[in-house]
Amino acid sequence: MVKLSPSVLTADFLTLGEMLPKFEKSGVDMLHLDVMDGIFVPNLSIGFPVTESLYKHTNIPLDVHLMIKRPERYIDRFVKAGADIITVHYEACENPMSVVHLIHSYEMKAGI
């Protein structure tokens, strides 16, 4: 099964809101949100405000990819911001399976 998940990181943020109806109409399966903390990876990127805004303005599931050190610190915030799926990096977690269990405790899909 193939699923389409365009990355929001490559979007023109000035027109992102205008693109949501186009994504919905095209039938994309989810939107991929790369969250970078500038520590685990050198870049900084989107966070809670963009996730919350997208959640408020679309029904497309949000696939939040946490490229951050110790992601367990922010799972609850991204759940509240509207994430539908949360993916973390194995090497960014002290105990990866506990992070997966934490994500599952919110009845969400988790990925490593």
C-alpha atoms as a PDB file:
ATOM      1  CA  MET A   1       0.000   0.000   0.000  1.00  0.00           C
ATOM      2  CA  VAL A   2       1.373   3.417  -0.950  1.00  0.00           C
ATOM      3  CA  LYS A   3       0.523   6.503   1.083  1.00  0.00           C
ATOM      4  CA  LEU A   4       1.219  10.070   0.075  1.00  0.00           C
ATOM      5  CA  SER A   5       2.537  12.407   2.792  1.00  0.00           C
ATOM      6  CA  PRO A   6       3.885  15.713   1.473  1.00  0.00           C
ATOM      7  CA  SER A   7       6.400  17.466   3.691  1.00  0.00           C
ATOM      8  CA  VAL A   8       5.311  20.800   5.124  1.00  0.00           C
ATOM      9  CA  LEU A   9       8.982  21.735   5.633  1.00  0.00           C
ATOM     10  CA  THR A  10       9.358  22.379   1.912  1.00  0.00           C
ATOM     11  CA  ALA A  11       6.238  24.563   1.756  1.00  0.00           C
ATOM     12  CA  ASP A  12       6.099  28.254   1.107  1.00  0.00           C
ATOM     13  CA  PHE A  13       4.682  29.287   4.484  1.00  0.00           C
ATOM     14  CA  LEU A  14       3.084  32.381   2.989  1.00  0.00           C
ATOM     15  CA  THR A  15       0.804  30.163   0.898  1.00  0.00           C
ATOM     16  CA  LEU A  16       0.493  27.081   3.109  1.00  0.00           C
ATOM     17  CA  GLY A  17      -3.069  27.915   4.150  1.00  0.00           C
ATOM     18  CA  GLU A  18      -4.072  28.282   0.504  1.00  0.00           C
ATOM     19  CA  MET A  19      -2.564  24.887  -0.264  1.00  0.00           C
ATOM     20  CA  LEU A  20      -4.617  22.935   2.311  1.00  0.00           C
ATOM     21  CA  PRO A  21      -7.786  22.700   0.165  1.00  0.00           C
ATOM     22  CA  LYS A  22      -5.618  21.583  -2.762  1.00  0.00           C
ATOM     23  CA  PHE A  23      -4.037  18.854  -0.620  1.00  0.00           C
ATOM     24  CA  GLU A  24      -7.473  17.753   0.582  1.00  0.00           C
ATOM     25  CA  LYS A  25      -8.857  17.656  -2.936  1.00  0.00           C
ATOM     26  CA  SER A  26      -5.845  15.713  -4.226  1.00  0.00           C
ATOM     27  CA  GLY A  27      -6.409  12.977  -1.646  1.00  0.00           C
ATOM     28  CA  VAL A  28      -3.088  13.070   0.210  1.00  0.00           C
ATOM     29  CA  ASP A  29      -3.088  10.600   3.097  1.00  0.00           C
ATOM     30  CA  MET A  30      -1.347  12.810   5.662  1.00  0.00           C
ATOM     31  CA  LEU A  31       0.872  15.851   6.028  1.00  0.00           C
ATOM     32  CA  HIS A  32       4.455  15.253   7.167  1.00  0.00           C
ATOM     33  CA  LEU A  33       5.739  17.764   9.728  1.00  0.00           C
ATOM     34  CA  ASP A  34       9.494  17.694  10.365  1.00  0.00           C
ATOM     35  CA  VAL A  35      10.211  19.130  13.813  1.00  0.00           C
ATOM     36  CA  MET A  36      13.903  19.924  14.414  1.00  0.00           C
ATOM     37  CA  ASP A  37      15.380  21.293  17.623  1.00  0.00           C
ATOM     38  CA  GLY A  38      18.807  22.518  16.474  1.00  0.00           C
ATOM     39  CA  ILE A  39      20.421  20.023  18.887  1.00  0.00           C
ATOM     40  CA  PHE A  40      19.636  16.528  17.604  1.00  0.00           C
ATOM     41  CA  VAL A  41      19.900  17.894  14.074  1.00  0.00           C
ATOM     42  CA  PRO A  42      21.492  21.233  13.193  1.00  0.00           C
ATOM     43  CA  ASN A  43      18.400  22.898  11.729  1.00  0.00           C
ATOM     44  CA  LEU A  44      15.471  24.503  13.504  1.00  0.00           C
ATOM     45  CA  SER A  45      12.031  24.050  12.015  1.00  0.00           C
ATOM     46  CA  ILE A  46       8.322  24.077  12.754  1.00  0.00           C
ATOM     47  CA  GLY A  47       6.869  23.340  16.152  1.00  0.00           C
ATOM     48  CA  PHE A  48       3.676  23.627  18.151  1.00  0.00           C
ATOM     49  CA  PRO A  49       2.213  26.775  16.508  1.00  0.00           C
ATOM     50  CA  VAL A  50       2.357  25.401  12.956  1.00  0.00           C
ATOM     51  CA  THR A  51       1.042  22.015  14.100  1.00  0.00           C
ATOM     52  CA  GLU A  52      -1.858  23.704  15.926  1.00  0.00           C
ATOM     53  CA  SER A  53      -2.675  25.912  12.935  1.00  0.00           C
ATOM     54  CA  LEU A  54      -2.710  23.010  10.507  1.00  0.00           C
ATOM     55  CA  TYR A  55      -4.873  20.957  12.891  1.00  0.00           C
ATOM     56  CA  LYS A  56      -7.415  23.794  13.074  1.00  0.00           C
ATOM     57  CA  HIS A  57      -7.637  24.210   9.309  1.00  0.00           C
ATOM     58  CA  THR A  58      -7.569  20.703   7.842  1.00  0.00           C
ATOM     59  CA  ASN A  59      -8.865  17.193   8.447  1.00  0.00           C
ATOM     60  CA  ILE A  60      -5.774  15.640   6.880  1.00  0.00           C
ATOM     61  CA  PRO A  61      -3.944  13.549   9.508  1.00  0.00           C
ATOM     62  CA  LEU A  62      -0.714  15.116  10.772  1.00  0.00           C
ATOM     63  CA  ASP A  63       2.368  12.898  10.799  1.00  0.00           C
ATOM     64  CA  VAL A  64       4.749  14.627  13.212  1.00  0.00           C
ATOM     65  CA  HIS A  65       8.387  13.560  12.812  1.00  0.00           C
ATOM     66  CA  LEU A  66      10.318  14.616  15.917  1.00  0.00           C
ATOM     67  CA  MET A  67      13.987  15.091  15.105  1.00  0.00           C
ATOM     68  CA  ILE A  68      14.661  16.301  18.615  1.00  0.00           C
ATOM     69  CA  LYS A  69      16.711  15.173  21.596  1.00  0.00           C
ATOM     70  CA  ARG A  70      14.638  13.412  24.276  1.00  0.00           C
ATOM     71  CA  PRO A  71      11.339  13.664  22.382  1.00  0.00           C
ATOM     72  CA  GLU A  72       9.376  12.249  25.310  1.00  0.00           C
ATOM     73  CA  ARG A  73       9.498  15.771  26.804  1.00  0.00           C
ATOM     74  CA  TYR A  74       7.176  17.031  24.069  1.00  0.00           C
ATOM     75  CA  ILE A  75       4.848  14.132  23.211  1.00  0.00           C
ATOM     76  CA  ASP A  76       1.979  15.544  25.282  1.00  0.00           C
ATOM     77  CA  ARG A  77       2.333  19.006  23.695  1.00  0.00           C
ATOM     78  CA  PHE A  78       2.270  17.610  20.153  1.00  0.00           C
ATOM     79  CA  VAL A  79      -0.735  15.440  20.986  1.00  0.00           C
ATOM     80  CA  LYS A  80      -2.539  18.558  22.239  1.00  0.00           C
ATOM     81  CA  ALA A  81      -1.367  20.476  19.151  1.00  0.00           C
ATOM     82  CA  GLY A  82      -3.144  17.955  16.916  1.00  0.00           C
ATOM     83  CA  ALA A  83      -0.635  15.280  15.911  1.00  0.00           C
ATOM     84  CA  ASP A  84      -2.183  12.041  14.655  1.00  0.00           C
ATOM     85  CA  ILE A  85       1.042  10.049  14.269  1.00  0.00           C
ATOM     86  CA  ILE A  86       4.338  10.692  16.064  1.00  0.00           C
ATOM     87  CA  THR A  87       7.666   9.352  14.852  1.00  0.00           C
ATOM     88  CA  VAL A  88      10.896   9.630  16.837  1.00  0.00           C
ATOM     89  CA  HIS A  89      14.524   8.696  16.227  1.00  0.00           C
ATOM     90  CA  TYR A  90      15.818   5.674  18.124  1.00  0.00           C
ATOM     91  CA  GLU A  91      19.125   7.351  18.939  1.00  0.00           C
ATOM     92  CA  ALA A  92      17.384  10.495  20.271  1.00  0.00           C
ATOM     93  CA  CYS A  93      15.705   8.525  23.078  1.00  0.00           C
ATOM     94  CA  GLU A  94      17.202   7.162  26.281  1.00  0.00           C
ATOM     95  CA  ASN A  95      14.597   4.386  26.219  1.00  0.00           C
ATOM     96  CA  PRO A  96      12.956   4.195  22.772  1.00  0.00           C
ATOM     97  CA  MET A  97      10.321   1.631  23.728  1.00  0.00           C
ATOM     98  CA  SER A  98       9.125   3.732  26.658  1.00  0.00           C
ATOM     99  CA  VAL A  99       8.633   6.599  24.207  1.00  0.00           C
ATOM    100  CA  VAL A 100       6.631   4.312  21.900  1.00  0.00           C
ATOM    101  CA  HIS A 101       4.515   3.210  24.875  1.00  0.00           C
ATOM    102  CA  LEU A 102       3.996   6.853  25.847  1.00  0.00           C
ATOM    103  CA  ILE A 103       2.777   7.676  22.335  1.00  0.00           C
ATOM    104  CA  HIS A 104       0.512   4.602  22.353  1.00  0.00           C
ATOM    105  CA  SER A 105      -0.908   5.695  25.716  1.00  0.00           C
ATOM    106  CA  TYR A 106      -2.571   8.537  23.780  1.00  0.00           C
ATOM    107  CA  GLU A 107      -4.067   5.919  21.442  1.00  0.00           C
ATOM    108  CA  MET A 108      -1.879   7.170  18.608  1.00  0.00           C
ATOM    109  CA  LYS A 109       0.325   5.493  16.031  1.00  0.00           C
ATOM    110  CA  ALA A 110       4.046   5.629  16.795  1.00  0.00           C
ATOM    111  CA  GLY A 111       7.067   5.211  14.597  1.00  0.00           C
ATOM    112  CA  ILE A 112      10.792   4.888  15.125  1.00  0.00           C
END
